[in-house]
Amino acid sequence: MEVPQPSAKSPASAPQPRGRILIVDDESLVCNTVSGILSNAGFVCETTGTGTDALSRLASESYDCLISDVRMPGMDGFELLTKARAFSSDLEVILLTGMNTLDTAIAALKTGVSDYLAKPFDVEEILHCVNRAIEHRRLVLENREYQQHLEEKVQQQARVIRSQFVSAIQSLAKAVEARDPYTRGHSERVGNISCIVAQSLGLPPEESDVVRQAGLLHDIGKIGVPDGILQKRGPLVKTEWSIMQTHPTVGRDIVTLINPPATLADGVLYHHERWDGKGYPEGRTGTDIPLVGRILAVVDAFDAMTSARPYRDAYSREEALSKLGKARGSQLDPDIAGVMTEDTVQAADRVVQPPGISSAP
């Protein structure tokens, strides 16, 4: 009668190994004994008699734990451990030694071993050490994975906040310009041109984008200026001008509510400062004015001149650039004013708006 054969288990149902162990000892009896104990406990074991061969395997294979004798010809266990760390910083290492002395134990601990066993050892002792090392490695890897996921979540949340922040910029900028049809699109143009100027000055993309945002919001404080002053067709009287001069400070106070980068708030606060100290609100001079404020001062002046006002027609770009040149070193930062060219303005005309910022109607 034919005896029925047991059915082969599928790979999915086969028990997973508890870990991969590399055993290094110049005594084959020790290697075979340790390997037998751990294999019976569900570990996958490999053995070698030299540190050199062990390093070769570590360079090409992944192991959870290295068990090494301390005294071996050529390369001892301490040297092997030091070089093994180059391949895997989280490799668990257990050192074996027949020299059970205090000095040897201290030396082992100083090298950062997971555990230290003196020969001869029993079955329970080696299993306990290996199980503890494998569990420690598992916790380390789980914590690393958790940290990576946490960083990804933080970055994702930062992107969400960034998107909300950009939307807030758009809404606030439009709210200001809705009050004065003559300045419609002014903030967006100042933002775009300022970004190109910042790039021309060597600012990295992230900082240049903050300059763009500062340009979008530089006049947000005009929300607090009465329409009668904001839309007045003639020159402002002294009291009206005093009220108008509060808009940089009011704007700074508004944008700080949405927790912007510090340079953005600086741009809003200082865009009416002058190189010669005759600006407002603080009367700063030269490079004491933050860079973003000096950039916005130049671009704001250019766009104001090239925009029509109730009391005058718009200047041509050529005329406005000529006036900027004459203001270098007095009203405007000479280097930044020098960067403002027709090419700069044309480059800004070609700017593709970042997500969340649409062109003004």
Foldseek 3Di string as FASTA:
>chain_A
DDDDDDDDDDPVPDDDALWEEEEEALDVVVQVVLCVLRVVVRHHYDYDHDLVVVLVCLQPDDGQEYEYEQDHPPDGPLNSLVSSCVSPVLRAYEYEYQPPDPVVVVSVVVSPHQYYYYPPDDSVVSVVSVVVSSVVSVVVVVVVVVVVVVVVVVVVVVVVLVLVLLLVLQVLLVVLCVLPVLCFQVLQLLLLLLLLLCVVVPDDNVVSNLLSSLSSQLQSLCVPQDSCLVQPQDDDDPVSVVSSQCSLVSSLVVSVVSVDPPVSSLLSNQLQAFQAQPGDDVSDHHPVRPPSSLSSVLSSQQSVQQTQGSHGGHDDSVVSLVVLCVCDPTGHPNVSSVSDDPVSSVVSVPDDDDPSHDGGD
